[in-house]
Amino acid sequence: MNIVEKSDEEIKAIADPLWRDLVQNSNEGKYGEFARNFSSALALAMNQMVAGHQFANSELARNLAEDADYLGIIRRGEHVTVLYRQRSTKKAGEWLGRLVLGYENGKIRIFGASIF
C-alpha cells in the first residue's frame, strides 16, 4: 500500500503518536528510542555521534513543548510530509516541525524528521 492513499485522518492518527515520541525522546536525549521508527536509510544516515551532540548541545532539541499544533499533510510520491507548529519550553517563538512517513517492508517508517 502507498501511504498517500490513506485519508488525512488516518495519516494524522499514525503521525501524531510518532511525533510525540520524537519530541519526548529528544527532550530526554534518548537516541536509541528517538530513532527506533526510522527507515533503514535514515537510521544509517543519522550518525549516533552527531545525534548525541545535538541532544547534548541544542537548547531547542532538549526543551520541546509536548503539545504541537497539527498544520497539514503534503503528499508526494510514496511519502507524506506531516507538518506541525512546534514550540519550546525555554525559547520564545514557534518552529515548523516536519515528519516524513512512508512504507518500508510493509511497515510505516519515518523517512525524515526536522524542526526549522
PDB file of N, CA and C in Angstrom:
ATOM      1  N   MET A   1       0.828  -1.184   0.000  1.00  0.00           N
ATOM      2  CA  MET A   1       0.000   0.000   0.000  1.00  0.00           C
ATOM      3  C   MET A   1       0.874   1.251   0.000  1.00  0.00           C
ATOM      4  N   ASN A   2       0.412   2.291  -0.647  1.00  0.00           N
ATOM      5  CA  ASN A   2       1.104   3.574  -0.679  1.00  0.00           C
ATOM      6  C   ASN A   2       0.446   4.488   0.350  1.00  0.00           C
ATOM      7  N   ILE A   3       1.216   5.062   1.223  1.00  0.00           N
ATOM      8  CA  ILE A   3       0.675   5.880   2.312  1.00  0.00           C
ATOM      9  C   ILE A   3      -0.109   7.087   1.799  1.00  0.00           C
ATOM     10  N   VAL A   4       0.208   7.564   0.612  1.00  0.00           N
ATOM     11  CA  VAL A   4      -0.514   8.725   0.082  1.00  0.00           C
ATOM     12  C   VAL A   4      -1.986   8.407  -0.185  1.00  0.00           C
ATOM     13  N   GLU A   5      -2.321   7.122  -0.243  1.00  0.00           N
ATOM     14  CA  GLU A   5      -3.706   6.709  -0.475  1.00  0.00           C
ATOM     15  C   GLU A   5      -4.555   6.749   0.796  1.00  0.00           C
ATOM     16  N   LYS A   6      -3.930   6.896   1.947  1.00  0.00           N
ATOM     17  CA  LYS A   6      -4.678   6.975   3.204  1.00  0.00           C
ATOM     18  C   LYS A   6      -5.326   8.353   3.322  1.00  0.00           C
ATOM     19  N   SER A   7      -6.399   8.424   4.078  1.00  0.00           N
ATOM     20  CA  SER A   7      -7.074   9.703   4.307  1.00  0.00           C
ATOM     21  C   SER A   7      -6.238  10.569   5.254  1.00  0.00           C
ATOM     22  N   ASP A   8      -6.524  11.859   5.264  1.00  0.00           N
ATOM     23  CA  ASP A   8      -5.829  12.762   6.185  1.00  0.00           C
ATOM     24  C   ASP A   8      -5.990  12.296   7.629  1.00  0.00           C
ATOM     25  N   GLU A   9      -7.186  11.863   7.988  1.00  0.00           N
ATOM     26  CA  GLU A   9      -7.452  11.413   9.353  1.00  0.00           C
ATOM     27  C   GLU A   9      -6.618  10.177   9.707  1.00  0.00           C
ATOM     28  N   GLU A  10      -6.505   9.241   8.762  1.00  0.00           N
ATOM     29  CA  GLU A  10      -5.702   8.035   9.003  1.00  0.00           C
ATOM     30  C   GLU A  10      -4.224   8.394   9.169  1.00  0.00           C
ATOM     31  N   ILE A  11      -3.740   9.286   8.328  1.00  0.00           N
ATOM     32  CA  ILE A  11      -2.331   9.692   8.407  1.00  0.00           C
ATOM     33  C   ILE A  11      -2.068  10.420   9.715  1.00  0.00           C
ATOM     34  N   LYS A  12      -2.945  11.335  10.080  1.00  0.00           N
ATOM     35  CA  LYS A  12      -2.779  12.082  11.330  1.00  0.00           C
ATOM     36  C   LYS A  12      -2.766  11.137  12.530  1.00  0.00           C
ATOM     37  N   ALA A  13      -3.634  10.122  12.517  1.00  0.00           N
ATOM     38  CA  ALA A  13      -3.689   9.149  13.610  1.00  0.00           C
ATOM     39  C   ALA A  13      -2.390   8.358  13.736  1.00  0.00           C
ATOM     40  N   ILE A  14      -1.689   8.173  12.641  1.00  0.00           N
ATOM     41  CA  ILE A  14      -0.391   7.487  12.642  1.00  0.00           C
ATOM     42  C   ILE A  14       0.720   8.463  13.046  1.00  0.00           C
ATOM     43  N   ALA A  15       0.686   9.665  12.488  1.00  0.00           N
ATOM     44  CA  ALA A  15       1.766  10.631  12.664  1.00  0.00           C
ATOM     45  C   ALA A  15       1.828  11.228  14.069  1.00  0.00           C
ATOM     46  N   ASP A  16       0.688  11.555  14.648  1.00  0.00           N
ATOM     47  CA  ASP A  16       0.694  12.244  15.944  1.00  0.00           C
ATOM     48  C   ASP A  16       1.460  11.494  17.034  1.00  0.00           C
ATOM     49  N   PRO A  17       1.208  10.188  17.236  1.00  0.00           N
ATOM     50  CA  PRO A  17       1.979   9.495  18.273  1.00  0.00           C
ATOM     51  C   PRO A  17       3.463   9.381  17.932  1.00  0.00           C
ATOM     52  N   LEU A  18       3.789   9.255  16.646  1.00  0.00           N
ATOM     53  CA  LEU A  18       5.202   9.210  16.252  1.00  0.00           C
ATOM     54  C   LEU A  18       5.880  10.535  16.565  1.00  0.00           C
ATOM     55  N   TRP A  19       5.193  11.654  16.276  1.00  0.00           N
ATOM     56  CA  TRP A  19       5.758  12.973  16.567  1.00  0.00           C
ATOM     57  C   TRP A  19       5.933  13.161  18.078  1.00  0.00           C
ATOM     58  N   ARG A  20       4.922  12.764  18.845  1.00  0.00           N
ATOM     59  CA  ARG A  20       5.017  12.879  20.313  1.00  0.00           C
ATOM     60  C   ARG A  20       6.203  12.084  20.841  1.00  0.00           C
ATOM     61  N   ASP A  21       6.411  10.879  20.309  1.00  0.00           N
ATOM     62  CA  ASP A  21       7.554  10.061  20.733  1.00  0.00           C
ATOM     63  C   ASP A  21       8.885  10.740  20.389  1.00  0.00           C
ATOM     64  N   LEU A  22       8.964  11.329  19.197  1.00  0.00           N
ATOM     65  CA  LEU A  22      10.197  12.022  18.816  1.00  0.00           C
ATOM     66  C   LEU A  22      10.476  13.188  19.761  1.00  0.00           C
ATOM     67  N   VAL A  23       9.447  13.956  20.068  1.00  0.00           N
ATOM     68  CA  VAL A  23       9.606  15.102  20.975  1.00  0.00           C
ATOM     69  C   VAL A  23      10.061  14.621  22.353  1.00  0.00           C
ATOM     70  N   GLN A  24       9.373  13.634  22.883  1.00  0.00           N
ATOM     71  CA  GLN A  24       9.710  13.121  24.211  1.00  0.00           C
ATOM     72  C   GLN A  24      11.141  12.590  24.260  1.00  0.00           C
ATOM     73  N   ASN A  25      11.514  11.783  23.283  1.00  0.00           N
ATOM     74  CA  ASN A  25      12.847  11.187  23.290  1.00  0.00           C
ATOM     75  C   ASN A  25      13.938  12.209  22.996  1.00  0.00           C
ATOM     76  N   SER A  26      13.616  13.236  22.221  1.00  0.00           N
ATOM     77  CA  SER A  26      14.565  14.319  22.003  1.00  0.00           C
ATOM     78  C   SER A  26      14.798  15.065  23.313  1.00  0.00           C
ATOM     79  N   ASN A  27      13.732  15.388  24.008  1.00  0.00           N
ATOM     80  CA  ASN A  27      13.852  16.092  25.288  1.00  0.00           C
ATOM     81  C   ASN A  27      14.673  15.299  26.299  1.00  0.00           C
ATOM     82  N   GLU A  28      14.519  13.984  26.275  1.00  0.00           N
ATOM     83  CA  GLU A  28      15.214  13.120  27.228  1.00  0.00           C
ATOM     84  C   GLU A  28      16.596  12.685  26.737  1.00  0.00           C
ATOM     85  N   GLY A  29      16.937  13.036  25.490  1.00  0.00           N
ATOM     86  CA  GLY A  29      18.241  12.665  24.943  1.00  0.00           C
ATOM     87  C   GLY A  29      18.408  11.175  24.721  1.00  0.00           C
ATOM     88  N   LYS A  30      17.337  10.480  24.458  1.00  0.00           N
ATOM     89  CA  LYS A  30      17.374   9.023  24.254  1.00  0.00           C
ATOM     90  C   LYS A  30      17.477   8.724  22.761  1.00  0.00           C
ATOM     91  N   TYR A  31      18.700   8.655  22.246  1.00  0.00           N
ATOM     92  CA  TYR A  31      18.895   8.466  20.813  1.00  0.00           C
ATOM     93  C   TYR A  31      18.293   7.156  20.323  1.00  0.00           C
ATOM     94  N   GLY A  32      18.508   6.066  21.026  1.00  0.00           N
ATOM     95  CA  GLY A  32      18.003   4.768  20.580  1.00  0.00           C
ATOM     96  C   GLY A  32      16.495   4.765  20.440  1.00  0.00           C
ATOM     97  N   GLU A  33      15.807   5.337  21.402  1.00  0.00           N
ATOM     98  CA  GLU A  33      14.353   5.437  21.336  1.00  0.00           C
ATOM     99  C   GLU A  33      13.925   6.437  20.265  1.00  0.00           C
ATOM    100  N   PHE A  34      14.664   7.525  20.136  1.00  0.00           N
ATOM    101  CA  PHE A  34      14.375   8.552  19.139  1.00  0.00           C
ATOM    102  C   PHE A  34      14.363   7.950  17.732  1.00  0.00           C
ATOM    103  N   ALA A  35      15.305   7.076  17.453  1.00  0.00           N
ATOM    104  CA  ALA A  35      15.496   6.540  16.103  1.00  0.00           C
ATOM    105  C   ALA A  35      14.788   5.210  15.852  1.00  0.00           C
ATOM    106  N   ARG A  36      14.043   4.701  16.796  1.00  0.00           N
ATOM    107  CA  ARG A  36      13.507   3.335  16.666  1.00  0.00           C
ATOM    108  C   ARG A  36      12.529   3.144  15.510  1.00  0.00           C
ATOM    109  N   ASN A  37      11.849   4.202  15.053  1.00  0.00           N
ATOM    110  CA  ASN A  37      10.902   4.067  13.943  1.00  0.00           C
ATOM    111  C   ASN A  37      11.443   4.627  12.630  1.00  0.00           C
ATOM    112  N   PHE A  38      12.746   4.890  12.591  1.00  0.00           N
ATOM    113  CA  PHE A  38      13.358   5.422  11.376  1.00  0.00           C
ATOM    114  C   PHE A  38      13.436   4.350  10.303  1.00  0.00           C
ATOM    115  N   SER A  39      13.341   4.785   9.043  1.00  0.00           N
ATOM    116  CA  SER A  39      13.609   3.881   7.929  1.00  0.00           C
ATOM    117  C   SER A  39      15.070   3.471   8.006  1.00  0.00           C
ATOM    118  N   SER A  40      15.416   2.388   7.356  1.00  0.00           N
ATOM    119  CA  SER A  40      16.811   1.930   7.409  1.00  0.00           C
ATOM    120  C   SER A  40      17.756   2.970   6.816  1.00  0.00           C
ATOM    121  N   ALA A  41      17.348   3.650   5.745  1.00  0.00           N
ATOM    122  CA  ALA A  41      18.204   4.673   5.130  1.00  0.00           C
ATOM    123  C   ALA A  41      18.421   5.850   6.074  1.00  0.00           C
ATOM    124  N   LEU A  42      17.372   6.285   6.757  1.00  0.00           N
ATOM    125  CA  LEU A  42      17.520   7.404   7.693  1.00  0.00           C
ATOM    126  C   LEU A  42      18.364   6.990   8.892  1.00  0.00           C
ATOM    127  N   ALA A  43      18.157   5.789   9.379  1.00  0.00           N
ATOM    128  CA  ALA A  43      18.948   5.307  10.513  1.00  0.00           C
ATOM    129  C   ALA A  43      20.431   5.245  10.154  1.00  0.00           C
ATOM    130  N   LEU A  44      20.746   4.828   8.935  1.00  0.00           N
ATOM    131  CA  LEU A  44      22.147   4.791   8.507  1.00  0.00           C
ATOM    132  C   LEU A  44      22.724   6.188   8.353  1.00  0.00           C
ATOM    133  N   ALA A  45      21.910   7.099   7.851  1.00  0.00           N
ATOM    134  CA  ALA A  45      22.378   8.468   7.630  1.00  0.00           C
ATOM    135  C   ALA A  45      22.533   9.245   8.928  1.00  0.00           C
ATOM    136  N   MET A  46      21.764   8.875   9.931  1.00  0.00           N
ATOM    137  CA  MET A  46      21.787   9.582  11.210  1.00  0.00           C
ATOM    138  C   MET A  46      22.906   9.018  12.059  1.00  0.00           C
ATOM    139  N   ASN A  47      23.990   9.693  12.090  1.00  0.00           N
ATOM    140  CA  ASN A  47      25.154   9.281  12.852  1.00  0.00           C
ATOM    141  C   ASN A  47      24.853   9.444  14.342  1.00  0.00           C
ATOM    142  N   GLN A  48      25.036   8.391  15.111  1.00  0.00           N
ATOM    143  CA  GLN A  48      24.730   8.442  16.542  1.00  0.00           C
ATOM    144  C   GLN A  48      25.570   9.485  17.255  1.00  0.00           C
ATOM    145  N   MET A  49      26.785   9.702  16.817  1.00  0.00           N
ATOM    146  CA  MET A  49      27.655  10.696  17.446  1.00  0.00           C
ATOM    147  C   MET A  49      27.109  12.103  17.210  1.00  0.00           C
ATOM    148  N   VAL A  50      26.683  12.376  15.974  1.00  0.00           N
ATOM    149  CA  VAL A  50      26.124  13.691  15.651  1.00  0.00           C
ATOM    150  C   VAL A  50      24.825  13.908  16.422  1.00  0.00           C
ATOM    151  N   ALA A  51      23.979  12.885  16.453  1.00  0.00           N
ATOM    152  CA  ALA A  51      22.708  12.998  17.175  1.00  0.00           C
ATOM    153  C   ALA A  51      22.952  13.225  18.659  1.00  0.00           C
ATOM    154  N   GLY A  52      23.897  12.512  19.230  1.00  0.00           N
ATOM    155  CA  GLY A  52      24.234  12.697  20.640  1.00  0.00           C
ATOM    156  C   GLY A  52      24.716  14.105  20.922  1.00  0.00           C
ATOM    157  N   HIS A  53      25.505  14.646  20.015  1.00  0.00           N
ATOM    158  CA  HIS A  53      25.992  16.027  20.155  1.00  0.00           C
ATOM    159  C   HIS A  53      24.825  16.995  20.100  1.00  0.00           C
ATOM    160  N   GLN A  54      23.885  16.758  19.177  1.00  0.00           N
ATOM    161  CA  GLN A  54      22.706  17.622  19.062  1.00  0.00           C
ATOM    162  C   GLN A  54      21.888  17.584  20.344  1.00  0.00           C
ATOM    163  N   PHE A  55      21.651  16.378  20.856  1.00  0.00           N
ATOM    164  CA  PHE A  55      20.869  16.257  22.078  1.00  0.00           C
ATOM    165  C   PHE A  55      21.560  16.963  23.245  1.00  0.00           C
ATOM    166  N   ALA A  56      22.860  16.855  23.322  1.00  0.00           N
ATOM    167  CA  ALA A  56      23.597  17.433  24.435  1.00  0.00           C
ATOM    168  C   ALA A  56      23.725  18.949  24.336  1.00  0.00           C
ATOM    169  N   ASN A  57      23.790  19.494  23.135  1.00  0.00           N
ATOM    170  CA  ASN A  57      24.131  20.904  22.970  1.00  0.00           C
ATOM    171  C   ASN A  57      23.032  21.804  22.423  1.00  0.00           C
ATOM    172  N   SER A  58      21.915  21.260  22.028  1.00  0.00           N
ATOM    173  CA  SER A  58      20.859  22.078  21.465  1.00  0.00           C
ATOM    174  C   SER A  58      19.796  22.370  22.511  1.00  0.00           C
ATOM    175  N   GLU A  59      19.683  23.638  22.876  1.00  0.00           N
ATOM    176  CA  GLU A  59      18.657  24.023  23.844  1.00  0.00           C
ATOM    177  C   GLU A  59      17.260  23.699  23.301  1.00  0.00           C
ATOM    178  N   LEU A  60      17.062  23.899  21.992  1.00  0.00           N
ATOM    179  CA  LEU A  60      15.766  23.610  21.391  1.00  0.00           C
ATOM    180  C   LEU A  60      15.458  22.115  21.429  1.00  0.00           C
ATOM    181  N   ALA A  61      16.406  21.283  21.010  1.00  0.00           N
ATOM    182  CA  ALA A  61      16.178  19.833  20.919  1.00  0.00           C
ATOM    183  C   ALA A  61      15.900  19.200  22.275  1.00  0.00           C
ATOM    184  N   ARG A  62      16.329  19.812  23.348  1.00  0.00           N
ATOM    185  CA  ARG A  62      16.128  19.243  24.682  1.00  0.00           C
ATOM    186  C   ARG A  62      14.980  19.897  25.445  1.00  0.00           C
ATOM    187  N   ASN A  63      14.317  20.881  24.813  1.00  0.00           N
ATOM    188  CA  ASN A  63      13.263  21.619  25.504  1.00  0.00           C
ATOM    189  C   ASN A  63      12.056  21.869  24.601  1.00  0.00           C
ATOM    190  N   LEU A  64      11.618  20.845  23.912  1.00  0.00           N
ATOM    191  CA  LEU A  64      10.451  20.968  23.046  1.00  0.00           C
ATOM    192  C   LEU A  64       9.183  20.835  23.876  1.00  0.00           C
ATOM    193  N   ALA A  65       8.212  21.691  23.617  1.00  0.00           N
ATOM    194  CA  ALA A  65       6.920  21.587  24.295  1.00  0.00           C
ATOM    195  C   ALA A  65       6.236  20.291  23.857  1.00  0.00           C
ATOM    196  N   GLU A  66       5.557  19.662  24.777  1.00  0.00           N
ATOM    197  CA  GLU A  66       4.910  18.387  24.463  1.00  0.00           C
ATOM    198  C   GLU A  66       3.728  18.533  23.527  1.00  0.00           C
ATOM    199  N   ASP A  67       3.096  19.688  23.531  1.00  0.00           N
ATOM    200  CA  ASP A  67       1.952  19.887  22.644  1.00  0.00           C
ATOM    201  C   ASP A  67       2.393  20.622  21.383  1.00  0.00           C
ATOM    202  N   ALA A  68       1.996  20.097  20.257  1.00  0.00           N
ATOM    203  CA  ALA A  68       2.289  20.699  18.956  1.00  0.00           C
ATOM    204  C   ALA A  68       0.977  20.825  18.201  1.00  0.00           C
ATOM    205  N   ASP A  69       0.906  21.817  17.337  1.00  0.00           N
ATOM    206  CA  ASP A  69      -0.302  22.018  16.544  1.00  0.00           C
ATOM    207  C   ASP A  69      -0.126  21.381  15.173  1.00  0.00           C
ATOM    208  N   TYR A  70      -1.023  20.480  14.834  1.00  0.00           N
ATOM    209  CA  TYR A  70      -1.047  19.853  13.513  1.00  0.00           C
ATOM    210  C   TYR A  70      -1.417  20.926  12.491  1.00  0.00           C
ATOM    211  N   LEU A  71      -0.636  21.029  11.415  1.00  0.00           N
ATOM    212  CA  LEU A  71      -0.896  22.034  10.381  1.00  0.00           C
ATOM    213  C   LEU A  71      -1.432  21.445   9.085  1.00  0.00           C
ATOM    214  N   GLY A  72      -1.016  20.236   8.729  1.00  0.00           N
ATOM    215  CA  GLY A  72      -1.497  19.653   7.489  1.00  0.00           C
ATOM    216  C   GLY A  72      -0.572  18.587   6.946  1.00  0.00           C
ATOM    217  N   ILE A  73      -0.944  18.098   5.761  1.00  0.00           N
ATOM    218  CA  ILE A  73      -0.230  16.993   5.114  1.00  0.00           C
ATOM    219  C   ILE A  73       0.064  17.361   3.672  1.00  0.00           C
ATOM    220  N   ILE A  74       1.242  16.983   3.229  1.00  0.00           N
ATOM    221  CA  ILE A  74       1.636  17.130   1.829  1.00  0.00           C
ATOM    222  C   ILE A  74       1.937  15.724   1.309  1.00  0.00           C
ATOM    223  N   ARG A  75       1.338  15.353   0.199  1.00  0.00           N
ATOM    224  CA  ARG A  75       1.569  14.046  -0.413  1.00  0.00           C
ATOM    225  C   ARG A  75       2.515  14.201  -1.593  1.00  0.00           C
ATOM    226  N   ARG A  76       3.496  13.285  -1.678  1.00  0.00           N
ATOM    227  CA  ARG A  76       4.448  13.356  -2.782  1.00  0.00           C
ATOM    228  C   ARG A  76       5.037  11.962  -2.996  1.00  0.00           C
ATOM    229  N   GLY A  77       4.820  11.435  -4.173  1.00  0.00           N
ATOM    230  CA  GLY A  77       5.386  10.124  -4.499  1.00  0.00           C
ATOM    231  C   GLY A  77       4.841   9.049  -3.579  1.00  0.00           C
ATOM    232  N   GLU A  78       5.731   8.390  -2.863  1.00  0.00           N
ATOM    233  CA  GLU A  78       5.351   7.326  -1.945  1.00  0.00           C
ATOM    234  C   GLU A  78       5.455   7.762  -0.484  1.00  0.00           C
ATOM    235  N   HIS A  79       5.537   9.073  -0.249  1.00  0.00           N
ATOM    236  CA  HIS A  79       5.694   9.594   1.107  1.00  0.00           C
ATOM    237  C   HIS A  79       4.704  10.716   1.373  1.00  0.00           C
ATOM    238  N   VAL A  80       4.430  10.929   2.640  1.00  0.00           N
ATOM    239  CA  VAL A  80       3.654  12.083   3.074  1.00  0.00           C
ATOM    240  C   VAL A  80       4.508  12.880   4.046  1.00  0.00           C
ATOM    241  N   THR A  81       4.348  14.180   4.005  1.00  0.00           N
ATOM    242  CA  THR A  81       5.002  15.061   4.960  1.00  0.00           C
ATOM    243  C   THR A  81       3.909  15.647   5.843  1.00  0.00           C
ATOM    244  N   VAL A  82       4.037  15.425   7.133  1.00  0.00           N
ATOM    245  CA  VAL A  82       3.081  15.946   8.098  1.00  0.00           C
ATOM    246  C   VAL A  82       3.758  17.125   8.787  1.00  0.00           C
ATOM    247  N   LEU A  83       3.055  18.255   8.823  1.00  0.00           N
ATOM    248  CA  LEU A  83       3.622  19.491   9.359  1.00  0.00           C
ATOM    249  C   LEU A  83       2.987  19.844  10.703  1.00  0.00           C
ATOM    250  N   TYR A  84       3.839  20.329  11.606  1.00  0.00           N
ATOM    251  CA  TYR A  84       3.400  20.723  12.945  1.00  0.00           C
ATOM    252  C   TYR A  84       3.984  22.093  13.299  1.00  0.00           C
ATOM    253  N   ARG A  85       3.225  22.859  14.082  1.00  0.00           N
ATOM    254  CA  ARG A  85       3.757  24.068  14.726  1.00  0.00           C
ATOM    255  C   ARG A  85       4.286  23.608  16.075  1.00  0.00           C
ATOM    256  N   GLN A  86       5.580  23.779  16.271  1.00  0.00           N
ATOM    257  CA  GLN A  86       6.230  23.292  17.485  1.00  0.00           C
ATOM    258  C   GLN A  86       6.757  24.470  18.292  1.00  0.00           C
ATOM    259  N   ARG A  87       6.627  24.384  19.584  1.00  0.00           N
ATOM    260  CA  ARG A  87       7.144  25.407  20.487  1.00  0.00           C
ATOM    261  C   ARG A  87       8.177  24.801  21.428  1.00  0.00           C
ATOM    262  N   SER A  88       8.879  25.670  22.110  1.00  0.00           N
ATOM    263  CA  SER A  88       9.883  25.273  23.087  1.00  0.00           C
ATOM    264  C   SER A  88       9.413  25.695  24.476  1.00  0.00           C
ATOM    265  N   THR A  89       9.868  24.975  25.478  1.00  0.00           N
ATOM    266  CA  THR A  89       9.564  25.366  26.851  1.00  0.00           C
ATOM    267  C   THR A  89      10.552  26.412  27.359  1.00  0.00           C
ATOM    268  N   LYS A  90      11.633  26.669  26.603  1.00  0.00           N
ATOM    269  CA  LYS A  90      12.658  27.607  27.058  1.00  0.00           C
ATOM    270  C   LYS A  90      12.921  28.764  26.096  1.00  0.00           C
ATOM    271  N   LYS A  91      12.592  28.579  24.821  1.00  0.00           N
ATOM    272  CA  LYS A  91      12.861  29.616  23.828  1.00  0.00           C
ATOM    273  C   LYS A  91      11.542  30.168  23.298  1.00  0.00           C
ATOM    274  N   ALA A  92      11.468  31.481  23.206  1.00  0.00           N
ATOM    275  CA  ALA A  92      10.254  32.116  22.681  1.00  0.00           C
ATOM    276  C   ALA A  92      10.147  31.875  21.174  1.00  0.00           C
ATOM    277  N   GLY A  93       8.923  31.769  20.695  1.00  0.00           N
ATOM    278  CA  GLY A  93       8.701  31.635  19.258  1.00  0.00           C
ATOM    279  C   GLY A  93       8.121  30.284  18.885  1.00  0.00           C
ATOM    280  N   GLU A  94       8.008  30.094  17.579  1.00  0.00           N
ATOM    281  CA  GLU A  94       7.445  28.870  17.019  1.00  0.00           C
ATOM    282  C   GLU A  94       8.374  28.324  15.940  1.00  0.00           C
ATOM    283  N   TRP A  95       8.344  27.011  15.779  1.00  0.00           N
ATOM    284  CA  TRP A  95       9.141  26.328  14.766  1.00  0.00           C
ATOM    285  C   TRP A  95       8.235  25.445  13.932  1.00  0.00           C
ATOM    286  N   LEU A  96       8.676  25.150  12.723  1.00  0.00           N
ATOM    287  CA  LEU A  96       7.950  24.244  11.850  1.00  0.00           C
ATOM    288  C   LEU A  96       8.533  22.851  12.023  1.00  0.00           C
ATOM    289  N   GLY A  97       7.683  21.925  12.452  1.00  0.00           N
ATOM    290  CA  GLY A  97       8.083  20.527  12.568  1.00  0.00           C
ATOM    291  C   GLY A  97       7.673  19.783  11.317  1.00  0.00           C
ATOM    292  N   ARG A  98       8.549  18.914  10.832  1.00  0.00           N
ATOM    293  CA  ARG A  98       8.322  18.176   9.593  1.00  0.00           C
ATOM    294  C   ARG A  98       8.583  16.699   9.845  1.00  0.00           C
ATOM    295  N   LEU A  99       7.594  15.869   9.519  1.00  0.00           N
ATOM    296  CA  LEU A  99       7.699  14.427   9.697  1.00  0.00           C
ATOM    297  C   LEU A  99       7.352  13.761   8.376  1.00  0.00           C
ATOM    298  N   VAL A 100       8.287  13.030   7.789  1.00  0.00           N
ATOM    299  CA  VAL A 100       8.075  12.361   6.506  1.00  0.00           C
ATOM    300  C   VAL A 100       7.869  10.872   6.768  1.00  0.00           C
ATOM    301  N   LEU A 101       6.732  10.359   6.300  1.00  0.00           N
ATOM    302  CA  LEU A 101       6.367   8.962   6.537  1.00  0.00           C
ATOM    303  C   LEU A 101       6.161   8.212   5.229  1.00  0.00           C
ATOM    304  N   GLY A 102       6.446   6.937   5.273  1.00  0.00           N
ATOM    305  CA  GLY A 102       6.215   6.055   4.143  1.00  0.00           C
ATOM    306  C   GLY A 102       6.324   4.616   4.605  1.00  0.00           C
ATOM    307  N   TYR A 103       6.149   3.705   3.670  1.00  0.00           N
ATOM    308  CA  TYR A 103       6.247   2.282   3.981  1.00  0.00           C
ATOM    309  C   TYR A 103       7.640   1.756   3.667  1.00  0.00           C
ATOM    310  N   GLU A 104       8.108   0.876   4.540  1.00  0.00           N
ATOM    311  CA  GLU A 104       9.333   0.119   4.301  1.00  0.00           C
ATOM    312  C   GLU A 104       9.092  -1.296   4.819  1.00  0.00           C
ATOM    313  N   ASN A 105       9.214  -2.268   3.954  1.00  0.00           N
ATOM    314  CA  ASN A 105       8.986  -3.675   4.318  1.00  0.00           C
ATOM    315  C   ASN A 105       7.628  -3.877   4.993  1.00  0.00           C
ATOM    316  N   GLY A 106       6.600  -3.204   4.463  1.00  0.00           N
ATOM    317  CA  GLY A 106       5.247  -3.380   4.959  1.00  0.00           C
ATOM    318  C   GLY A 106       4.912  -2.620   6.232  1.00  0.00           C
ATOM    319  N   LYS A 107       5.859  -1.844   6.767  1.00  0.00           N
ATOM    320  CA  LYS A 107       5.616  -1.081   7.994  1.00  0.00           C
ATOM    321  C   LYS A 107       5.805   0.408   7.727  1.00  0.00           C
ATOM    322  N   ILE A 108       5.030   1.220   8.412  1.00  0.00           N
ATOM    323  CA  ILE A 108       5.208   2.664   8.289  1.00  0.00           C
ATOM    324  C   ILE A 108       6.444   3.069   9.072  1.00  0.00           C
ATOM    325  N   ARG A 109       7.311   3.815   8.400  1.00  0.00           N
ATOM    326  CA  ARG A 109       8.574   4.257   8.986  1.00  0.00           C
ATOM    327  C   ARG A 109       8.749   5.753   8.778  1.00  0.00           C
ATOM    328  N   ILE A 110       9.637   6.328   9.562  1.00  0.00           N
ATOM    329  CA  ILE A 110       9.985   7.743   9.450  1.00  0.00           C
ATOM    330  C   ILE A 110      11.145   7.874   8.472  1.00  0.00           C
ATOM    331  N   PHE A 111      10.928   8.649   7.412  1.00  0.00           N
ATOM    332  CA  PHE A 111      11.956   8.878   6.404  1.00  0.00           C
ATOM    333  C   PHE A 111      12.613  10.238   6.557  1.00  0.00           C
ATOM    334  N   GLY A 112      12.082  11.062   7.425  1.00  0.00           N
ATOM    335  CA  GLY A 112      12.664  12.369   7.692  1.00  0.00           C
ATOM    336  C   GLY A 112      11.954  13.006   8.874  1.00  0.00           C
ATOM    337  N   ALA A 113      12.702  13.738   9.681  1.00  0.00           N
ATOM    338  CA  ALA A 113      12.131  14.469  10.809  1.00  0.00           C
ATOM    339  C   ALA A 113      13.033  15.652  11.093  1.00  0.00           C
ATOM    340  N   SER A 114      12.433  16.828  11.166  1.00  0.00           N
ATOM    341  CA  SER A 114      13.239  18.013  11.427  1.00  0.00           C
ATOM    342  C   SER A 114      12.395  19.126  11.997  1.00  0.00           C
ATOM    343  N   ILE A 115      13.070  20.091  12.572  1.00  0.00           N
ATOM    344  CA  ILE A 115      12.438  21.291  13.096  1.00  0.00           C
ATOM    345  C   ILE A 115      13.196  22.472  12.513  1.00  0.00           C
ATOM    346  N   PHE A 116      12.457  23.383  11.903  1.00  0.00           N
ATOM    347  CA  PHE A 116      13.054  24.570  11.275  1.00  0.00           C
ATOM    348  C   PHE A 116      12.657  25.802  12.068  1.00  0.00           C
TER     349      PHE A 116
END
